[in-house]
Amino acid sequence: MSPGGETPRDAVTSFLEAWQAADLDRYTECMTPDSAIPARMREAAREKLENAGAEFEGIEVRTVVDEEDPDLATVELVSGQITLKTRKPAGVETETFGVAEMAEGERPLFYLRRTSGRWFLLPPEG
């Protein structure tokens, strides 16, 4: 499988699937090549991904390609269900969200950039 995605939607779908599978290699392949996790931090990142799992069901998205720069896009989740899981000493805590019920500005939004013909997620700011 090639890194990134053929479309912004493909890149986000691959990212969500990798997160759900706790597959760090595939997860990081969805990110821009210049935002790679340094080797010394990969094990900690793998543990964090395994301890903060997620499940996605029936996800629908809205994609907007930037009019001024067609190599930039956003993908917003607009419907479906997200279940976040956190491992704690006492067990796994879960919290489920209906995306359509979230306020417009609170829905998950991904920023992407096309590099060498493939779409990649930009790292979150801040």
N, C-alpha and C. Protein backbone atom coordinates (compact mmCIF):
# COMPACT_ATOMS: atom_id res chain seq x y z
N MET A 1 0.84 -1.18 0.00
CA MET A 1 0.00 0.00 0.00
C MET A 1 0.89 1.25 0.00
N SER A 2 0.56 2.21 -0.83
CA SER A 2 1.32 3.45 -0.90
C SER A 2 0.94 4.35 0.26
N PRO A 3 1.89 5.15 0.75
CA PRO A 3 1.55 6.11 1.81
C PRO A 3 0.54 7.13 1.32
N GLY A 4 -0.16 7.74 2.26
CA GLY A 4 -1.15 8.76 1.91
C GLY A 4 -2.35 8.15 1.22
N GLY A 5 -3.05 8.97 0.45
CA GLY A 5 -4.23 8.50 -0.27
C GLY A 5 -4.33 9.14 -1.63
N GLU A 6 -5.07 8.50 -2.53
CA GLU A 6 -5.28 9.07 -3.87
C GLU A 6 -6.14 10.32 -3.80
N THR A 7 -7.04 10.37 -2.83
CA THR A 7 -7.91 11.53 -2.62
C THR A 7 -7.83 11.92 -1.15
N PRO A 8 -8.27 13.13 -0.80
CA PRO A 8 -8.30 13.49 0.62
C PRO A 8 -9.14 12.50 1.44
N ARG A 9 -10.27 12.10 0.89
CA ARG A 9 -11.14 11.13 1.58
C ARG A 9 -10.42 9.82 1.83
N ASP A 10 -9.68 9.32 0.82
CA ASP A 10 -8.93 8.08 0.97
C ASP A 10 -7.91 8.18 2.10
N ALA A 11 -7.22 9.32 2.17
CA ALA A 11 -6.20 9.50 3.21
C ALA A 11 -6.83 9.48 4.60
N VAL A 12 -7.96 10.15 4.77
CA VAL A 12 -8.64 10.17 6.08
C VAL A 12 -9.19 8.78 6.41
N THR A 13 -9.78 8.11 5.44
CA THR A 13 -10.29 6.75 5.67
C THR A 13 -9.17 5.82 6.12
N SER A 14 -8.03 5.90 5.45
CA SER A 14 -6.89 5.07 5.81
C SER A 14 -6.40 5.40 7.22
N PHE A 15 -6.38 6.68 7.56
CA PHE A 15 -5.97 7.12 8.89
C PHE A 15 -6.91 6.56 9.96
N LEU A 16 -8.21 6.66 9.74
CA LEU A 16 -9.18 6.15 10.72
C LEU A 16 -9.07 4.63 10.87
N GLU A 17 -8.88 3.93 9.75
CA GLU A 17 -8.72 2.48 9.81
C GLU A 17 -7.45 2.10 10.57
N ALA A 18 -6.37 2.83 10.35
CA ALA A 18 -5.11 2.56 11.06
C ALA A 18 -5.26 2.83 12.55
N TRP A 19 -5.95 3.92 12.90
CA TRP A 19 -6.18 4.24 14.31
C TRP A 19 -6.99 3.11 14.96
N GLN A 20 -8.05 2.69 14.29
CA GLN A 20 -8.91 1.64 14.83
C GLN A 20 -8.12 0.34 15.02
N ALA A 21 -7.20 0.03 14.11
CA ALA A 21 -6.40 -1.20 14.18
C ALA A 21 -5.17 -1.04 15.07
N ALA A 22 -4.93 0.18 15.59
CA ALA A 22 -3.73 0.49 16.37
C ALA A 22 -2.47 0.11 15.59
N ASP A 23 -2.48 0.42 14.29
CA ASP A 23 -1.38 0.11 13.38
C ASP A 23 -0.53 1.37 13.21
N LEU A 24 0.52 1.49 14.01
CA LEU A 24 1.33 2.72 14.01
C LEU A 24 1.98 2.97 12.65
N ASP A 25 2.48 1.93 12.00
CA ASP A 25 3.14 2.15 10.71
C ASP A 25 2.17 2.74 9.69
N ARG A 26 1.00 2.16 9.58
CA ARG A 26 0.00 2.68 8.63
C ARG A 26 -0.51 4.05 9.07
N TYR A 27 -0.67 4.23 10.38
CA TYR A 27 -1.12 5.51 10.95
C TYR A 27 -0.16 6.63 10.53
N THR A 28 1.14 6.39 10.69
CA THR A 28 2.11 7.44 10.36
C THR A 28 2.27 7.62 8.85
N GLU A 29 1.99 6.58 8.06
CA GLU A 29 2.06 6.73 6.60
C GLU A 29 0.98 7.68 6.07
N CYS A 30 -0.03 7.96 6.87
CA CYS A 30 -1.09 8.87 6.47
C CYS A 30 -0.71 10.33 6.69
N MET A 31 0.34 10.56 7.48
CA MET A 31 0.80 11.91 7.80
C MET A 31 1.77 12.42 6.74
N THR A 32 1.90 13.73 6.65
CA THR A 32 2.85 14.30 5.70
C THR A 32 4.24 13.72 5.98
N PRO A 33 5.01 13.47 4.92
CA PRO A 33 6.33 12.87 5.10
C PRO A 33 7.24 13.65 6.05
N ASP A 34 7.08 14.96 6.14
CA ASP A 34 7.94 15.75 7.03
C ASP A 34 7.48 15.74 8.48
N SER A 35 6.44 14.98 8.81
CA SER A 35 5.97 14.93 10.20
C SER A 35 6.14 13.53 10.79
N ALA A 36 7.17 12.81 10.34
CA ALA A 36 7.42 11.45 10.81
C ALA A 36 7.78 11.45 12.30
N ILE A 37 7.42 10.37 12.97
CA ILE A 37 7.75 10.21 14.39
C ILE A 37 9.20 9.73 14.47
N PRO A 38 10.05 10.43 15.23
CA PRO A 38 11.45 10.00 15.36
C PRO A 38 11.53 8.58 15.92
N ALA A 39 12.53 7.83 15.49
CA ALA A 39 12.69 6.43 15.90
C ALA A 39 12.68 6.27 17.42
N ARG A 40 13.32 7.17 18.13
CA ARG A 40 13.42 7.06 19.59
C ARG A 40 12.06 7.23 20.29
N MET A 41 11.06 7.76 19.57
CA MET A 41 9.75 8.00 20.16
C MET A 41 8.69 7.02 19.67
N ARG A 42 9.05 6.11 18.76
CA ARG A 42 8.06 5.22 18.16
C ARG A 42 7.41 4.28 19.16
N GLU A 43 8.17 3.73 20.10
CA GLU A 43 7.58 2.79 21.05
C GLU A 43 6.56 3.50 21.94
N ALA A 44 6.89 4.70 22.40
CA ALA A 44 5.94 5.47 23.22
C ALA A 44 4.69 5.81 22.40
N ALA A 45 4.88 6.14 21.13
CA ALA A 45 3.74 6.45 20.26
C ALA A 45 2.88 5.21 20.05
N ARG A 46 3.52 4.06 19.89
CA ARG A 46 2.77 2.80 19.70
C ARG A 46 1.93 2.50 20.94
N GLU A 47 2.51 2.66 22.13
CA GLU A 47 1.77 2.42 23.38
C GLU A 47 0.60 3.38 23.51
N LYS A 48 0.84 4.64 23.18
CA LYS A 48 -0.24 5.63 23.27
C LYS A 48 -1.38 5.27 22.32
N LEU A 49 -1.05 4.86 21.10
CA LEU A 49 -2.07 4.48 20.12
C LEU A 49 -2.86 3.26 20.61
N GLU A 50 -2.17 2.29 21.20
CA GLU A 50 -2.84 1.09 21.70
C GLU A 50 -3.71 1.39 22.91
N ASN A 51 -3.31 2.36 23.73
CA ASN A 51 -4.06 2.69 24.95
C ASN A 51 -5.17 3.71 24.72
N ALA A 52 -5.20 4.33 23.57
CA ALA A 52 -6.24 5.31 23.25
C ALA A 52 -6.89 4.90 21.93
N GLY A 53 -7.61 3.81 21.96
CA GLY A 53 -8.19 3.25 20.75
C GLY A 53 -9.46 3.96 20.32
N ALA A 54 -9.92 3.59 19.15
CA ALA A 54 -11.14 4.17 18.61
C ALA A 54 -11.80 3.18 17.67
N GLU A 55 -13.11 3.31 17.56
CA GLU A 55 -13.88 2.57 16.56
C GLU A 55 -14.73 3.57 15.80
N PHE A 56 -14.85 3.35 14.51
CA PHE A 56 -15.61 4.24 13.64
C PHE A 56 -16.63 3.40 12.89
N GLU A 57 -17.89 3.84 12.91
CA GLU A 57 -18.95 3.11 12.20
C GLU A 57 -19.77 4.09 11.37
N GLY A 58 -20.03 3.72 10.12
CA GLY A 58 -20.90 4.50 9.26
C GLY A 58 -20.44 5.92 9.01
N ILE A 59 -19.15 6.14 9.00
CA ILE A 59 -18.62 7.50 8.85
C ILE A 59 -18.86 8.02 7.43
N GLU A 60 -19.41 9.22 7.36
CA GLU A 60 -19.57 9.95 6.10
C GLU A 60 -18.79 11.25 6.24
N VAL A 61 -18.23 11.72 5.13
CA VAL A 61 -17.39 12.91 5.18
C VAL A 61 -17.81 13.94 4.14
N ARG A 62 -17.34 15.17 4.37
CA ARG A 62 -17.49 16.26 3.39
C ARG A 62 -16.06 16.74 3.10
N THR A 63 -15.71 16.76 1.83
CA THR A 63 -14.37 17.17 1.41
C THR A 63 -14.45 18.52 0.71
N VAL A 64 -13.56 19.42 1.07
CA VAL A 64 -13.48 20.72 0.41
C VAL A 64 -12.02 20.95 0.01
N VAL A 65 -11.80 21.10 -1.30
CA VAL A 65 -10.46 21.41 -1.81
C VAL A 65 -10.34 22.93 -1.88
N ASP A 66 -9.24 23.45 -1.39
CA ASP A 66 -9.00 24.90 -1.35
C ASP A 66 -9.05 25.47 -2.77
N GLU A 67 -9.82 26.53 -2.96
CA GLU A 67 -9.95 27.14 -4.29
C GLU A 67 -8.67 27.83 -4.73
N GLU A 68 -7.91 28.40 -3.79
CA GLU A 68 -6.69 29.11 -4.15
C GLU A 68 -5.49 28.18 -4.29
N ASP A 69 -5.48 27.09 -3.54
CA ASP A 69 -4.37 26.14 -3.59
C ASP A 69 -4.95 24.73 -3.66
N PRO A 70 -5.06 24.16 -4.86
CA PRO A 70 -5.69 22.84 -5.01
C PRO A 70 -4.89 21.69 -4.40
N ASP A 71 -3.76 21.99 -3.79
CA ASP A 71 -2.99 20.96 -3.07
C ASP A 71 -3.32 20.96 -1.58
N LEU A 72 -4.30 21.75 -1.17
CA LEU A 72 -4.76 21.77 0.22
C LEU A 72 -6.24 21.41 0.25
N ALA A 73 -6.65 20.69 1.29
CA ALA A 73 -8.06 20.31 1.41
C ALA A 73 -8.40 20.09 2.88
N THR A 74 -9.70 20.10 3.15
CA THR A 74 -10.19 19.70 4.47
C THR A 74 -11.18 18.56 4.27
N VAL A 75 -11.21 17.67 5.25
CA VAL A 75 -12.19 16.59 5.28
C VAL A 75 -12.84 16.65 6.66
N GLU A 76 -14.16 16.84 6.66
CA GLU A 76 -14.92 16.92 7.91
C GLU A 76 -15.78 15.68 8.03
N LEU A 77 -15.78 15.05 9.20
CA LEU A 77 -16.70 13.96 9.45
C LEU A 77 -18.06 14.58 9.69
N VAL A 78 -19.10 14.08 8.99
CA VAL A 78 -20.43 14.69 9.10
C VAL A 78 -21.49 13.75 9.66
N SER A 79 -21.25 12.45 9.61
CA SER A 79 -22.19 11.51 10.23
C SER A 79 -21.46 10.22 10.55
N GLY A 80 -22.15 9.37 11.30
CA GLY A 80 -21.57 8.12 11.75
C GLY A 80 -21.36 8.15 13.25
N GLN A 81 -20.66 7.16 13.74
CA GLN A 81 -20.47 7.03 15.18
C GLN A 81 -18.99 6.81 15.49
N ILE A 82 -18.51 7.48 16.53
CA ILE A 82 -17.13 7.34 17.00
C ILE A 82 -17.17 6.84 18.43
N THR A 83 -16.44 5.78 18.71
CA THR A 83 -16.28 5.30 20.08
C THR A 83 -14.81 5.41 20.44
N LEU A 84 -14.52 6.22 21.44
CA LEU A 84 -13.15 6.38 21.93
C LEU A 84 -12.95 5.47 23.13
N LYS A 85 -11.81 4.80 23.17
CA LYS A 85 -11.50 3.87 24.25
C LYS A 85 -10.21 4.29 24.92
N THR A 86 -10.22 4.28 26.25
CA THR A 86 -9.03 4.60 27.01
C THR A 86 -8.78 3.48 28.01
N ARG A 87 -7.58 2.90 27.94
CA ARG A 87 -7.23 1.85 28.91
C ARG A 87 -6.80 2.50 30.21
N LYS A 88 -7.40 2.04 31.28
CA LYS A 88 -7.08 2.50 32.64
C LYS A 88 -6.75 1.27 33.47
N PRO A 89 -6.10 1.45 34.63
CA PRO A 89 -5.80 0.29 35.48
C PRO A 89 -7.06 -0.52 35.83
N ALA A 90 -8.19 0.14 35.95
CA ALA A 90 -9.44 -0.55 36.32
C ALA A 90 -10.17 -1.15 35.12
N GLY A 91 -9.66 -0.96 33.93
CA GLY A 91 -10.32 -1.49 32.73
C GLY A 91 -10.35 -0.47 31.62
N VAL A 92 -11.19 -0.72 30.64
CA VAL A 92 -11.29 0.17 29.48
C VAL A 92 -12.52 1.05 29.63
N GLU A 93 -12.30 2.36 29.51
CA GLU A 93 -13.41 3.32 29.52
C GLU A 93 -13.74 3.64 28.06
N THR A 94 -15.03 3.71 27.77
CA THR A 94 -15.45 4.06 26.41
C THR A 94 -16.41 5.24 26.44
N GLU A 95 -16.36 6.00 25.37
CA GLU A 95 -17.27 7.13 25.20
C GLU A 95 -17.66 7.15 23.72
N THR A 96 -18.96 7.17 23.45
CA THR A 96 -19.45 7.12 22.07
C THR A 96 -20.13 8.43 21.70
N PHE A 97 -19.84 8.88 20.48
CA PHE A 97 -20.38 10.14 19.97
C PHE A 97 -21.08 9.89 18.64
N GLY A 98 -22.23 10.50 18.45
CA GLY A 98 -22.88 10.54 17.15
C GLY A 98 -22.39 11.79 16.44
N VAL A 99 -21.70 11.63 15.33
CA VAL A 99 -21.09 12.78 14.65
C VAL A 99 -22.15 13.79 14.21
N ALA A 100 -23.26 13.33 13.68
CA ALA A 100 -24.30 14.24 13.18
C ALA A 100 -24.89 15.10 14.30
N GLU A 101 -24.84 14.59 15.54
CA GLU A 101 -25.38 15.35 16.67
C GLU A 101 -24.40 16.40 17.19
N MET A 102 -23.15 16.34 16.75
CA MET A 102 -22.16 17.32 17.19
C MET A 102 -22.43 18.66 16.51
N ALA A 103 -22.13 19.73 17.21
CA ALA A 103 -22.26 21.07 16.62
C ALA A 103 -21.29 21.19 15.44
N GLU A 104 -21.65 21.99 14.47
CA GLU A 104 -20.86 22.14 13.24
C GLU A 104 -19.37 22.36 13.52
N GLY A 105 -19.01 23.23 14.42
CA GLY A 105 -17.60 23.51 14.69
C GLY A 105 -16.91 22.48 15.56
N GLU A 106 -17.63 21.50 16.09
CA GLU A 106 -17.05 20.50 16.98
C GLU A 106 -16.79 19.16 16.28
N ARG A 107 -17.26 19.02 15.06
CA ARG A 107 -17.05 17.76 14.34
C ARG A 107 -15.57 17.62 13.98
N PRO A 108 -15.07 16.38 13.97
CA PRO A 108 -13.67 16.18 13.59
C PRO A 108 -13.40 16.72 12.19
N LEU A 109 -12.32 17.49 12.08
CA LEU A 109 -11.93 18.14 10.83
C LEU A 109 -10.45 17.87 10.60
N PHE A 110 -10.12 17.39 9.42
CA PHE A 110 -8.75 17.05 9.08
C PHE A 110 -8.27 17.98 7.97
N TYR A 111 -7.03 18.44 8.10
CA TYR A 111 -6.39 19.28 7.09
C TYR A 111 -5.40 18.40 6.34
N LEU A 112 -5.40 18.53 5.01
CA LEU A 112 -4.55 17.68 4.19
C LEU A 112 -3.79 18.49 3.16
N ARG A 113 -2.66 17.91 2.73
CA ARG A 113 -1.84 18.52 1.68
C ARG A 113 -1.47 17.43 0.69
N ARG A 114 -1.53 17.79 -0.60
CA ARG A 114 -1.09 16.86 -1.64
C ARG A 114 0.40 17.06 -1.86
N THR A 115 1.14 15.96 -1.78
CA THR A 115 2.58 15.96 -1.97
C THR A 115 2.93 14.83 -2.93
N SER A 116 3.62 15.15 -4.01
CA SER A 116 4.00 14.14 -5.02
C SER A 116 2.80 13.33 -5.48
N GLY A 117 1.66 14.00 -5.64
CA GLY A 117 0.46 13.36 -6.17
C GLY A 117 -0.36 12.56 -5.17
N ARG A 118 0.04 12.51 -3.90
CA ARG A 118 -0.68 11.76 -2.86
C ARG A 118 -1.13 12.74 -1.77
N TRP A 119 -2.25 12.43 -1.13
CA TRP A 119 -2.80 13.27 -0.07
C TRP A 119 -2.37 12.75 1.30
N PHE A 120 -1.94 13.68 2.17
CA PHE A 120 -1.48 13.36 3.52
C PHE A 120 -2.12 14.30 4.53
N LEU A 121 -2.34 13.80 5.74
CA LEU A 121 -2.86 14.63 6.81
C LEU A 121 -1.75 15.53 7.34
N LEU A 122 -2.10 16.77 7.58
CA LEU A 122 -1.18 17.70 8.23
C LEU A 122 -1.28 17.51 9.73
N PRO A 123 -0.17 17.66 10.45
CA PRO A 123 -0.25 17.50 11.91
C PRO A 123 -1.09 18.62 12.51
N PRO A 124 -1.80 18.33 13.60
CA PRO A 124 -2.59 19.38 14.25
C PRO A 124 -1.68 20.48 14.78
N GLU A 125 -2.18 21.70 14.75
CA GLU A 125 -1.41 22.83 15.28
C GLU A 125 -1.63 22.94 16.77
N GLY A 126 -0.63 23.50 17.43
CA GLY A 126 -0.76 23.75 18.87
C GLY A 126 -0.36 22.57 19.60
